[in-house]
N, C-alpha and C. Protein backbone atom coordinates (compact mmCIF):
# COMPACT_ATOMS: atom_id res chain seq x y z
N MET A 1 -3.24 -24.27 12.35
CA MET A 1 -3.37 -22.82 12.33
C MET A 1 -2.94 -22.26 13.68
N ALA A 2 -2.54 -20.99 13.66
CA ALA A 2 -2.03 -20.37 14.87
C ALA A 2 -2.36 -18.89 14.88
N VAL A 3 -2.55 -18.36 16.09
CA VAL A 3 -2.70 -16.92 16.25
C VAL A 3 -1.29 -16.36 16.39
N LEU A 4 -0.95 -15.42 15.51
CA LEU A 4 0.38 -14.85 15.47
C LEU A 4 0.45 -13.59 16.34
N SER A 5 1.63 -13.22 16.76
CA SER A 5 1.82 -12.00 17.55
C SER A 5 1.75 -10.79 16.63
N ILE A 6 1.05 -9.76 17.09
CA ILE A 6 0.88 -8.54 16.30
C ILE A 6 1.88 -7.49 16.78
N LEU A 7 2.60 -6.91 15.83
CA LEU A 7 3.51 -5.81 16.14
C LEU A 7 2.67 -4.59 16.49
N THR A 8 3.09 -3.84 17.49
CA THR A 8 2.35 -2.65 17.87
C THR A 8 3.24 -1.41 17.84
N TYR A 9 2.60 -0.30 17.52
CA TYR A 9 3.25 1.00 17.51
C TYR A 9 3.88 1.25 18.87
N PRO A 10 5.11 1.70 18.95
CA PRO A 10 5.96 2.32 17.92
C PRO A 10 7.01 1.39 17.31
N ASP A 11 6.75 0.11 17.23
CA ASP A 11 7.71 -0.84 16.65
C ASP A 11 8.14 -0.34 15.26
N GLU A 12 9.44 -0.15 15.07
CA GLU A 12 9.99 0.40 13.82
C GLU A 12 9.71 -0.49 12.61
N ARG A 13 9.51 -1.79 12.85
CA ARG A 13 9.25 -2.70 11.72
C ARG A 13 7.97 -2.35 11.00
N LEU A 14 7.03 -1.68 11.68
CA LEU A 14 5.77 -1.29 11.05
C LEU A 14 5.98 -0.26 9.94
N LYS A 15 7.15 0.36 9.89
CA LYS A 15 7.46 1.35 8.85
C LYS A 15 8.11 0.70 7.62
N GLN A 16 8.36 -0.59 7.70
CA GLN A 16 9.05 -1.30 6.63
C GLN A 16 8.09 -1.63 5.49
N ALA A 17 8.51 -1.37 4.26
CA ALA A 17 7.70 -1.72 3.10
C ALA A 17 7.80 -3.22 2.82
N ALA A 18 6.70 -3.79 2.35
CA ALA A 18 6.65 -5.23 2.06
C ALA A 18 7.08 -5.49 0.61
N ARG A 19 7.56 -6.70 0.38
CA ARG A 19 8.00 -7.09 -0.96
C ARG A 19 6.90 -7.93 -1.62
N PRO A 20 6.85 -7.92 -2.95
CA PRO A 20 5.82 -8.71 -3.65
C PRO A 20 5.98 -10.22 -3.39
N VAL A 21 4.84 -10.89 -3.40
CA VAL A 21 4.82 -12.35 -3.32
C VAL A 21 5.18 -12.87 -4.70
N GLU A 22 6.08 -13.83 -4.75
CA GLU A 22 6.51 -14.37 -6.04
C GLU A 22 5.84 -15.69 -6.37
N THR A 23 5.51 -16.47 -5.34
CA THR A 23 4.92 -17.79 -5.57
C THR A 23 3.72 -18.00 -4.65
N VAL A 24 2.59 -18.37 -5.26
CA VAL A 24 1.41 -18.72 -4.47
C VAL A 24 1.36 -20.24 -4.41
N ASP A 25 1.59 -20.78 -3.20
CA ASP A 25 1.66 -22.23 -3.03
C ASP A 25 1.02 -22.62 -1.69
N ASP A 26 1.09 -23.89 -1.36
CA ASP A 26 0.47 -24.38 -0.12
C ASP A 26 1.10 -23.74 1.12
N GLN A 27 2.39 -23.48 1.09
CA GLN A 27 3.05 -22.85 2.22
C GLN A 27 2.49 -21.44 2.43
N LEU A 28 2.27 -20.70 1.35
CA LEU A 28 1.69 -19.36 1.46
C LEU A 28 0.26 -19.45 1.98
N ARG A 29 -0.51 -20.41 1.48
CA ARG A 29 -1.91 -20.57 1.93
C ARG A 29 -1.96 -20.93 3.42
N ALA A 30 -0.99 -21.68 3.92
CA ALA A 30 -0.95 -21.99 5.36
C ALA A 30 -0.68 -20.72 6.16
N PHE A 31 0.21 -19.87 5.66
CA PHE A 31 0.45 -18.59 6.33
C PHE A 31 -0.82 -17.73 6.32
N ILE A 32 -1.52 -17.70 5.19
CA ILE A 32 -2.76 -16.92 5.07
C ILE A 32 -3.79 -17.41 6.08
N ALA A 33 -3.87 -18.72 6.29
CA ALA A 33 -4.80 -19.27 7.30
C ALA A 33 -4.44 -18.77 8.69
N ASP A 34 -3.14 -18.74 9.02
CA ASP A 34 -2.70 -18.22 10.31
C ASP A 34 -3.00 -16.73 10.43
N LEU A 35 -2.77 -16.00 9.34
CA LEU A 35 -3.03 -14.56 9.34
C LEU A 35 -4.52 -14.29 9.57
N GLU A 36 -5.37 -15.07 8.93
CA GLU A 36 -6.81 -14.90 9.11
C GLU A 36 -7.24 -15.25 10.53
N GLU A 37 -6.68 -16.31 11.07
CA GLU A 37 -7.02 -16.68 12.45
C GLU A 37 -6.61 -15.56 13.41
N THR A 38 -5.48 -14.93 13.15
CA THR A 38 -5.01 -13.81 13.97
C THR A 38 -5.98 -12.64 13.87
N MET A 39 -6.43 -12.33 12.67
CA MET A 39 -7.39 -11.24 12.47
C MET A 39 -8.69 -11.51 13.23
N ARG A 40 -9.19 -12.73 13.13
CA ARG A 40 -10.46 -13.06 13.76
C ARG A 40 -10.35 -13.16 15.28
N ALA A 41 -9.15 -13.39 15.79
CA ALA A 41 -8.95 -13.47 17.25
C ALA A 41 -8.95 -12.09 17.89
N GLY A 42 -8.67 -11.07 17.07
CA GLY A 42 -8.62 -9.70 17.60
C GLY A 42 -10.01 -9.12 17.73
N PRO A 43 -10.17 -8.20 18.66
CA PRO A 43 -11.48 -7.59 18.86
C PRO A 43 -11.85 -6.67 17.71
N GLY A 44 -12.93 -6.99 17.02
CA GLY A 44 -13.46 -6.12 15.98
C GLY A 44 -12.65 -6.05 14.72
N GLY A 45 -11.68 -6.94 14.54
CA GLY A 45 -10.82 -6.87 13.37
C GLY A 45 -11.55 -7.20 12.08
N VAL A 46 -11.44 -6.32 11.09
CA VAL A 46 -12.04 -6.56 9.77
C VAL A 46 -10.95 -6.66 8.71
N GLY A 47 -9.70 -6.49 9.12
CA GLY A 47 -8.62 -6.58 8.16
C GLY A 47 -7.30 -6.76 8.87
N ILE A 48 -6.35 -7.31 8.12
CA ILE A 48 -4.99 -7.49 8.65
C ILE A 48 -4.04 -7.56 7.46
N ALA A 49 -2.83 -7.09 7.69
CA ALA A 49 -1.79 -7.15 6.66
C ALA A 49 -0.61 -7.94 7.21
N ALA A 50 0.04 -8.67 6.34
CA ALA A 50 1.16 -9.52 6.76
C ALA A 50 2.23 -8.76 7.57
N PRO A 51 2.58 -7.52 7.21
CA PRO A 51 3.60 -6.83 8.01
C PRO A 51 3.21 -6.63 9.48
N GLN A 52 1.93 -6.66 9.79
CA GLN A 52 1.50 -6.50 11.18
C GLN A 52 1.94 -7.67 12.05
N VAL A 53 2.27 -8.81 11.43
CA VAL A 53 2.75 -9.96 12.19
C VAL A 53 4.23 -10.24 11.88
N GLY A 54 4.90 -9.24 11.30
CA GLY A 54 6.33 -9.36 11.05
C GLY A 54 6.70 -10.12 9.80
N ASP A 55 5.74 -10.32 8.90
CA ASP A 55 6.00 -10.99 7.62
C ASP A 55 5.87 -9.92 6.53
N PHE A 56 6.96 -9.62 5.87
CA PHE A 56 6.98 -8.47 4.98
C PHE A 56 6.76 -8.85 3.52
N ARG A 57 5.65 -9.57 3.31
CA ARG A 57 5.16 -9.87 1.96
C ARG A 57 3.86 -9.11 1.76
N ARG A 58 3.53 -8.80 0.51
CA ARG A 58 2.36 -7.98 0.19
C ARG A 58 1.09 -8.85 0.19
N ILE A 59 0.58 -9.07 1.39
CA ILE A 59 -0.63 -9.89 1.60
C ILE A 59 -1.53 -9.17 2.59
N VAL A 60 -2.81 -9.03 2.23
CA VAL A 60 -3.79 -8.51 3.18
C VAL A 60 -5.05 -9.37 3.11
N ILE A 61 -5.77 -9.36 4.22
CA ILE A 61 -7.09 -9.99 4.28
C ILE A 61 -8.05 -8.92 4.78
N VAL A 62 -9.19 -8.80 4.10
CA VAL A 62 -10.25 -7.89 4.54
C VAL A 62 -11.56 -8.66 4.48
N ASP A 63 -12.33 -8.56 5.55
CA ASP A 63 -13.66 -9.18 5.59
C ASP A 63 -14.56 -8.34 6.48
N ILE A 64 -15.40 -7.52 5.85
CA ILE A 64 -16.31 -6.67 6.62
C ILE A 64 -17.71 -7.26 6.66
N SER A 65 -17.85 -8.54 6.33
CA SER A 65 -19.18 -9.15 6.28
C SER A 65 -19.86 -9.18 7.65
N SER A 66 -19.09 -8.97 8.72
CA SER A 66 -19.70 -8.90 10.05
C SER A 66 -20.42 -7.56 10.27
N LYS A 67 -20.28 -6.66 9.33
CA LYS A 67 -20.94 -5.35 9.37
C LYS A 67 -22.01 -5.33 8.28
N PRO A 68 -23.17 -5.96 8.52
CA PRO A 68 -24.15 -6.19 7.45
C PRO A 68 -24.73 -4.94 6.80
N LYS A 69 -24.59 -3.78 7.41
CA LYS A 69 -25.12 -2.56 6.81
C LYS A 69 -24.25 -2.05 5.67
N HIS A 70 -23.05 -2.63 5.53
CA HIS A 70 -22.11 -2.16 4.51
C HIS A 70 -22.02 -3.19 3.37
N PRO A 71 -22.26 -2.77 2.13
CA PRO A 71 -22.09 -3.70 1.01
C PRO A 71 -20.64 -4.19 0.96
N ASN A 72 -20.47 -5.47 0.60
CA ASN A 72 -19.11 -6.01 0.60
C ASN A 72 -18.99 -7.24 -0.28
N HIS A 73 -17.77 -7.63 -0.51
CA HIS A 73 -17.44 -8.81 -1.31
C HIS A 73 -17.18 -10.04 -0.45
N GLY A 74 -17.44 -9.95 0.86
CA GLY A 74 -17.13 -11.06 1.75
C GLY A 74 -15.64 -11.09 2.05
N ARG A 75 -15.14 -12.26 2.30
CA ARG A 75 -13.72 -12.44 2.64
C ARG A 75 -12.84 -12.21 1.41
N LEU A 76 -11.92 -11.26 1.53
CA LEU A 76 -11.00 -10.96 0.43
C LEU A 76 -9.57 -11.26 0.88
N VAL A 77 -8.91 -12.14 0.17
CA VAL A 77 -7.48 -12.34 0.34
C VAL A 77 -6.84 -11.66 -0.86
N LEU A 78 -6.02 -10.65 -0.57
CA LEU A 78 -5.43 -9.83 -1.63
C LEU A 78 -3.91 -9.96 -1.58
N ILE A 79 -3.35 -10.58 -2.61
CA ILE A 79 -1.91 -10.78 -2.71
C ILE A 79 -1.39 -9.83 -3.77
N ASN A 80 -0.37 -9.06 -3.41
CA ASN A 80 0.19 -8.02 -4.29
C ASN A 80 -0.89 -7.05 -4.77
N PRO A 81 -1.72 -6.52 -3.85
CA PRO A 81 -2.79 -5.62 -4.28
C PRO A 81 -2.25 -4.32 -4.86
N GLU A 82 -2.97 -3.81 -5.85
CA GLU A 82 -2.61 -2.54 -6.48
C GLU A 82 -3.90 -1.76 -6.72
N ILE A 83 -3.96 -0.56 -6.16
CA ILE A 83 -5.11 0.30 -6.37
C ILE A 83 -4.93 0.97 -7.72
N LEU A 84 -5.89 0.74 -8.62
CA LEU A 84 -5.79 1.24 -9.99
C LEU A 84 -6.47 2.60 -10.15
N GLN A 85 -7.58 2.81 -9.43
CA GLN A 85 -8.34 4.06 -9.53
C GLN A 85 -8.96 4.36 -8.19
N TRP A 86 -9.18 5.62 -7.92
CA TRP A 86 -9.91 6.02 -6.73
C TRP A 86 -10.69 7.28 -7.05
N GLU A 87 -11.80 7.47 -6.33
CA GLU A 87 -12.58 8.68 -6.52
C GLU A 87 -13.35 9.02 -5.25
N GLY A 88 -13.64 10.29 -5.10
CA GLY A 88 -14.35 10.77 -3.94
C GLY A 88 -13.49 10.65 -2.70
N MET A 89 -13.61 11.59 -1.82
CA MET A 89 -12.85 11.53 -0.57
C MET A 89 -13.79 11.76 0.59
N ALA A 90 -13.53 11.06 1.69
CA ALA A 90 -14.36 11.20 2.88
C ALA A 90 -13.51 10.97 4.11
N VAL A 91 -13.88 11.66 5.18
CA VAL A 91 -13.22 11.47 6.47
C VAL A 91 -13.96 10.37 7.21
N GLY A 92 -13.23 9.46 7.83
CA GLY A 92 -13.83 8.40 8.63
C GLY A 92 -12.92 8.02 9.79
N ARG A 93 -13.51 7.45 10.83
CA ARG A 93 -12.76 7.04 12.02
C ARG A 93 -12.17 5.67 11.76
N GLU A 94 -10.90 5.50 12.10
CA GLU A 94 -10.21 4.22 11.92
C GLU A 94 -9.51 3.82 13.21
N GLY A 95 -9.40 2.52 13.38
CA GLY A 95 -8.61 1.93 14.44
C GLY A 95 -7.72 0.87 13.83
N CYS A 96 -6.85 0.29 14.63
CA CYS A 96 -5.90 -0.68 14.09
C CYS A 96 -5.40 -1.58 15.21
N MET A 97 -5.27 -2.86 14.91
CA MET A 97 -4.73 -3.79 15.90
C MET A 97 -3.29 -3.46 16.27
N SER A 98 -2.57 -2.78 15.39
CA SER A 98 -1.20 -2.39 15.68
C SER A 98 -1.11 -1.07 16.46
N VAL A 99 -2.25 -0.39 16.61
CA VAL A 99 -2.32 0.84 17.39
C VAL A 99 -3.53 0.68 18.32
N PRO A 100 -3.42 -0.22 19.31
CA PRO A 100 -4.60 -0.63 20.07
C PRO A 100 -5.20 0.43 20.99
N ASP A 101 -4.46 1.48 21.30
CA ASP A 101 -4.95 2.45 22.28
C ASP A 101 -5.60 3.69 21.68
N PHE A 102 -5.61 3.80 20.33
CA PHE A 102 -6.11 5.02 19.71
C PHE A 102 -6.96 4.73 18.47
N THR A 103 -7.81 5.69 18.14
CA THR A 103 -8.50 5.73 16.85
C THR A 103 -8.27 7.13 16.30
N GLY A 104 -8.58 7.31 15.03
CA GLY A 104 -8.37 8.64 14.46
C GLY A 104 -9.15 8.85 13.19
N ASN A 105 -9.34 10.12 12.86
CA ASN A 105 -10.03 10.51 11.63
C ASN A 105 -9.03 10.59 10.48
N VAL A 106 -9.37 9.88 9.41
CA VAL A 106 -8.48 9.76 8.25
C VAL A 106 -9.29 10.02 6.98
N ILE A 107 -8.68 10.72 6.02
CA ILE A 107 -9.32 10.93 4.71
C ILE A 107 -8.91 9.78 3.80
N ARG A 108 -9.92 9.15 3.20
CA ARG A 108 -9.67 8.05 2.25
C ARG A 108 -10.60 8.23 1.04
N ALA A 109 -10.24 7.56 -0.04
CA ALA A 109 -11.12 7.53 -1.21
C ALA A 109 -12.38 6.75 -0.87
N GLU A 110 -13.52 7.21 -1.38
CA GLU A 110 -14.79 6.53 -1.13
C GLU A 110 -14.98 5.31 -2.01
N ASN A 111 -14.40 5.35 -3.21
CA ASN A 111 -14.52 4.24 -4.17
C ASN A 111 -13.15 3.96 -4.76
N ILE A 112 -12.82 2.68 -4.84
CA ILE A 112 -11.55 2.31 -5.47
C ILE A 112 -11.76 1.12 -6.41
N LYS A 113 -10.88 1.04 -7.38
CA LYS A 113 -10.78 -0.14 -8.23
C LYS A 113 -9.42 -0.74 -7.94
N LEU A 114 -9.39 -2.05 -7.70
CA LEU A 114 -8.18 -2.70 -7.22
C LEU A 114 -7.97 -4.00 -7.97
N GLN A 115 -6.72 -4.36 -8.17
CA GLN A 115 -6.42 -5.69 -8.68
C GLN A 115 -5.45 -6.37 -7.74
N ALA A 116 -5.58 -7.68 -7.65
CA ALA A 116 -4.72 -8.46 -6.77
C ALA A 116 -4.84 -9.92 -7.16
N LEU A 117 -3.87 -10.70 -6.75
CA LEU A 117 -3.96 -12.15 -6.88
C LEU A 117 -4.81 -12.67 -5.73
N ASP A 118 -5.56 -13.75 -5.98
CA ASP A 118 -6.27 -14.42 -4.89
C ASP A 118 -5.40 -15.56 -4.37
N GLU A 119 -5.93 -16.37 -3.44
CA GLU A 119 -5.10 -17.44 -2.85
C GLU A 119 -4.77 -18.56 -3.82
N GLN A 120 -5.42 -18.56 -4.97
CA GLN A 120 -5.08 -19.56 -5.99
C GLN A 120 -4.07 -19.01 -7.00
N GLY A 121 -3.72 -17.73 -6.83
CA GLY A 121 -2.76 -17.11 -7.74
C GLY A 121 -3.41 -16.50 -8.97
N GLU A 122 -4.75 -16.40 -8.97
CA GLU A 122 -5.46 -15.82 -10.12
C GLU A 122 -5.61 -14.32 -9.93
N LEU A 123 -5.37 -13.56 -11.00
CA LEU A 123 -5.50 -12.12 -10.96
C LEU A 123 -6.98 -11.75 -10.99
N LYS A 124 -7.41 -10.95 -10.02
CA LYS A 124 -8.81 -10.53 -9.91
C LYS A 124 -8.85 -9.01 -9.84
N GLN A 125 -10.01 -8.46 -10.26
CA GLN A 125 -10.25 -7.03 -10.08
C GLN A 125 -11.50 -6.84 -9.26
N TYR A 126 -11.48 -5.81 -8.44
CA TYR A 126 -12.61 -5.51 -7.56
C TYR A 126 -12.93 -4.03 -7.62
N GLU A 127 -14.21 -3.71 -7.54
CA GLU A 127 -14.64 -2.33 -7.34
C GLU A 127 -15.22 -2.29 -5.93
N LEU A 128 -14.62 -1.45 -5.10
CA LEU A 128 -14.96 -1.40 -3.68
C LEU A 128 -15.46 -0.01 -3.33
N ALA A 129 -16.38 0.04 -2.38
CA ALA A 129 -16.96 1.33 -1.99
C ALA A 129 -17.11 1.40 -0.48
N GLY A 130 -17.21 2.63 0.01
CA GLY A 130 -17.54 2.87 1.41
C GLY A 130 -16.55 2.25 2.38
N PHE A 131 -17.12 1.62 3.41
CA PHE A 131 -16.31 1.05 4.49
C PHE A 131 -15.35 -0.02 3.97
N GLU A 132 -15.79 -0.82 3.01
CA GLU A 132 -14.91 -1.86 2.47
C GLU A 132 -13.71 -1.22 1.76
N ALA A 133 -13.94 -0.17 0.98
CA ALA A 133 -12.84 0.53 0.31
C ALA A 133 -11.89 1.13 1.34
N ARG A 134 -12.44 1.69 2.41
CA ARG A 134 -11.62 2.28 3.48
C ARG A 134 -10.75 1.19 4.13
N ALA A 135 -11.35 0.04 4.43
CA ALA A 135 -10.61 -1.04 5.08
C ALA A 135 -9.47 -1.54 4.19
N VAL A 136 -9.73 -1.68 2.90
CA VAL A 136 -8.69 -2.14 1.99
C VAL A 136 -7.55 -1.12 1.90
N GLN A 137 -7.90 0.17 1.80
CA GLN A 137 -6.86 1.20 1.74
C GLN A 137 -6.01 1.19 3.01
N HIS A 138 -6.65 1.01 4.15
CA HIS A 138 -5.95 0.96 5.44
C HIS A 138 -4.94 -0.19 5.42
N GLU A 139 -5.37 -1.37 4.97
CA GLU A 139 -4.48 -2.54 4.97
C GLU A 139 -3.37 -2.39 3.93
N VAL A 140 -3.68 -1.85 2.76
CA VAL A 140 -2.65 -1.65 1.73
C VAL A 140 -1.59 -0.67 2.25
N ASP A 141 -2.00 0.33 3.04
CA ASP A 141 -1.01 1.24 3.63
C ASP A 141 0.02 0.47 4.45
N HIS A 142 -0.41 -0.56 5.19
CA HIS A 142 0.54 -1.35 5.98
C HIS A 142 1.63 -1.94 5.08
N LEU A 143 1.28 -2.30 3.86
CA LEU A 143 2.26 -2.88 2.94
C LEU A 143 3.32 -1.87 2.53
N ASP A 144 2.98 -0.59 2.66
CA ASP A 144 3.91 0.48 2.30
C ASP A 144 4.56 1.12 3.53
N GLY A 145 4.38 0.49 4.69
CA GLY A 145 4.99 0.99 5.91
C GLY A 145 4.29 2.18 6.52
N LEU A 146 2.99 2.32 6.23
CA LEU A 146 2.21 3.44 6.76
C LEU A 146 1.15 2.95 7.74
N LEU A 147 0.92 3.74 8.78
CA LEU A 147 -0.17 3.50 9.73
C LEU A 147 -1.21 4.61 9.57
N PHE A 148 -2.40 4.38 10.10
CA PHE A 148 -3.41 5.44 10.01
C PHE A 148 -2.91 6.70 10.70
N LEU A 149 -2.01 6.56 11.67
CA LEU A 149 -1.43 7.72 12.35
C LEU A 149 -0.72 8.66 11.37
N ASP A 150 -0.19 8.08 10.28
CA ASP A 150 0.51 8.88 9.27
C ASP A 150 -0.45 9.65 8.39
N ARG A 151 -1.73 9.33 8.46
CA ARG A 151 -2.73 9.95 7.58
C ARG A 151 -3.80 10.74 8.34
N LEU A 152 -3.57 10.96 9.62
CA LEU A 152 -4.55 11.71 10.41
C LEU A 152 -4.82 13.07 9.78
N VAL A 153 -6.08 13.50 9.82
CA VAL A 153 -6.43 14.83 9.34
C VAL A 153 -5.63 15.86 10.14
N SER A 154 -5.65 15.71 11.46
CA SER A 154 -4.90 16.60 12.36
C SER A 154 -4.50 15.80 13.59
N ARG A 155 -3.22 15.78 13.90
CA ARG A 155 -2.78 15.06 15.11
C ARG A 155 -3.37 15.70 16.37
N ARG A 156 -3.63 16.98 16.30
CA ARG A 156 -4.12 17.69 17.48
C ARG A 156 -5.60 17.40 17.74
N ASN A 157 -6.42 17.38 16.67
CA ASN A 157 -7.87 17.29 16.84
C ASN A 157 -8.48 15.95 16.42
N ASP A 158 -7.73 15.09 15.76
CA ASP A 158 -8.33 13.89 15.17
C ASP A 158 -7.73 12.58 15.64
N LEU A 159 -7.07 12.58 16.78
CA LEU A 159 -6.56 11.36 17.39
C LEU A 159 -7.25 11.21 18.74
N PHE A 160 -7.83 10.03 18.97
CA PHE A 160 -8.66 9.81 20.15
C PHE A 160 -8.21 8.57 20.91
N ALA A 161 -8.16 8.68 22.22
CA ALA A 161 -7.89 7.49 23.05
C ALA A 161 -9.06 6.55 22.89
N ARG A 162 -8.76 5.29 22.69
CA ARG A 162 -9.82 4.27 22.55
C ARG A 162 -10.41 4.03 23.93
N LYS A 163 -11.72 4.16 24.03
CA LYS A 163 -12.39 3.99 25.33
C LYS A 163 -12.49 2.52 25.71
N VAL A 164 -12.94 1.69 24.76
CA VAL A 164 -13.11 0.26 25.03
C VAL A 164 -12.72 -0.48 23.77
N TYR A 165 -11.93 -1.53 23.93
CA TYR A 165 -11.55 -2.36 22.79
C TYR A 165 -12.32 -3.66 22.94
N GLN A 166 -13.51 -3.72 22.32
CA GLN A 166 -14.39 -4.88 22.50
C GLN A 166 -14.23 -5.86 21.35
N LYS A 167 -14.48 -7.12 21.67
CA LYS A 167 -14.45 -8.15 20.64
C LYS A 167 -15.77 -8.23 19.94
């Protein structure tokens, strides 16, 4: 396993849309292990998308289990994720390993229904709420070449310099 280099804003590659994964095999699982190690090496990381490390396949990992106050599904590896339904909207503060110097207020759905392949290639469906739903939406945006900066409520009032980036 290896910690991979993370692309940071304003790298143009972060705007690139990812392509679907066609084969789930041992080589893909090895990449997922590296992607997860990269996420866990970052300060406070609860999610990562393959495009953040320059791999433009539709793969994200989300694990908010380190935030025990938030209900969650534990470690989620989502291959070719597709949001099927969403409801309710809420503003929340977001940060990103690819935008290390800022956080911002973003409107996201409070509840989503999602389907994706797992690391074994099995199609799964999830109902996600709150912080976990927000984290998944944030990571899925990376697959479409979007950063939280693209979804700020207001660039003038809702973008904040990060005071401390703690692990």
